[in-house]
């Protein structure tokens, strides 16, 4: 059987308890979750991409993976 995974994209600036709840619920449905920390050129971020990825890694369970991607939307 192949692994089922979900991708959750967002700027996560800042990461909220609601985001963490969605990640945790997704992990109940999927084998792995990729949290895609995006760069939105239309917004001025409070935290750097690296800081946001650290927040995701610190708050999310081990089966969730933080990745950075750039987005123009």
Protein backbone atom coordinates (compact mmCIF):
# COMPACT_ATOMS: atom_id res chain seq x y z
CA UNK A 1 0.00 0.00 0.00
CA UNK A 2 1.37 3.42 -0.88
CA UNK A 3 1.86 6.13 1.70
CA UNK A 4 -0.88 8.77 1.88
CA UNK A 5 0.32 12.30 2.48
CA UNK A 6 -1.14 15.79 2.60
CA UNK A 7 0.38 19.16 1.76
CA UNK A 8 -0.73 22.15 3.85
CA UNK A 9 0.48 25.39 2.23
CA UNK A 10 0.41 28.78 3.94
CA UNK A 11 2.49 31.70 5.09
CA UNK A 12 2.03 30.73 8.78
CA UNK A 13 3.03 34.24 9.85
CA UNK A 14 2.57 33.64 12.70
CA UNK A 15 1.82 29.96 13.25
CA UNK A 16 -1.37 29.79 15.32
CA UNK A 17 -3.00 27.15 17.52
CA UNK A 18 -5.56 26.77 14.72
CA UNK A 19 -2.79 25.88 12.26
CA UNK A 20 -1.36 23.33 14.69
CA UNK A 21 -4.83 21.83 15.19
CA UNK A 22 -5.26 21.40 11.43
CA UNK A 23 -1.82 19.75 11.17
CA UNK A 24 -2.67 17.35 14.00
CA UNK A 25 -6.07 16.49 12.48
CA UNK A 26 -4.49 15.93 9.07
CA UNK A 27 -2.05 13.49 10.66
CA UNK A 28 -5.04 11.44 11.84
CA UNK A 29 -6.13 11.10 8.20
CA UNK A 30 -2.78 10.81 6.41
CA UNK A 31 0.49 8.96 6.96
CA UNK A 32 2.54 12.17 6.65
CA UNK A 33 1.91 15.89 6.33
CA UNK A 34 4.13 18.39 4.52
CA UNK A 35 3.66 21.92 5.85
CA UNK A 36 4.66 24.17 2.95
CA UNK A 37 5.75 27.51 4.38
CA UNK A 38 5.16 29.91 1.51
CA UNK A 39 6.53 33.34 0.73
CA UNK A 40 3.76 35.73 -0.23
CA UNK A 41 5.26 38.72 -2.05
CA UNK A 42 2.08 40.73 -1.39
CA UNK A 43 2.56 40.62 2.38
CA UNK A 44 5.25 42.02 4.66
CA UNK A 45 6.19 39.14 6.96
CA UNK A 46 6.67 39.51 10.69
CA UNK A 47 8.90 36.42 10.86
CA UNK A 48 11.50 35.14 8.39
CA UNK A 49 10.88 31.90 6.51
CA UNK A 50 13.48 30.19 8.68
CA UNK A 51 11.76 31.38 11.87
CA UNK A 52 8.36 30.19 10.61
CA UNK A 53 9.79 26.79 9.69
CA UNK A 54 11.32 26.52 13.17
CA UNK A 55 7.90 27.35 14.67
CA UNK A 56 6.26 24.59 12.62
CA UNK A 57 8.96 22.07 13.55
CA UNK A 58 8.69 22.95 17.25
CA UNK A 59 4.89 22.82 17.38
CA UNK A 60 4.04 20.02 14.97
CA UNK A 61 4.32 16.29 15.63
CA UNK A 62 7.32 14.45 14.18
CA UNK A 63 5.35 13.09 11.22
CA UNK A 64 4.80 16.62 9.89
CA UNK A 65 7.60 18.04 7.75
CA UNK A 66 8.25 21.76 7.19
CA UNK A 67 9.32 22.85 3.71
CA UNK A 68 9.81 26.31 2.21
CA UNK A 69 8.41 27.33 -1.18
CA UNK A 70 7.96 30.72 -2.79
CA UNK A 71 4.55 31.85 -3.97
CA UNK A 72 3.55 34.90 -5.97
CA UNK A 73 -0.08 34.75 -4.82
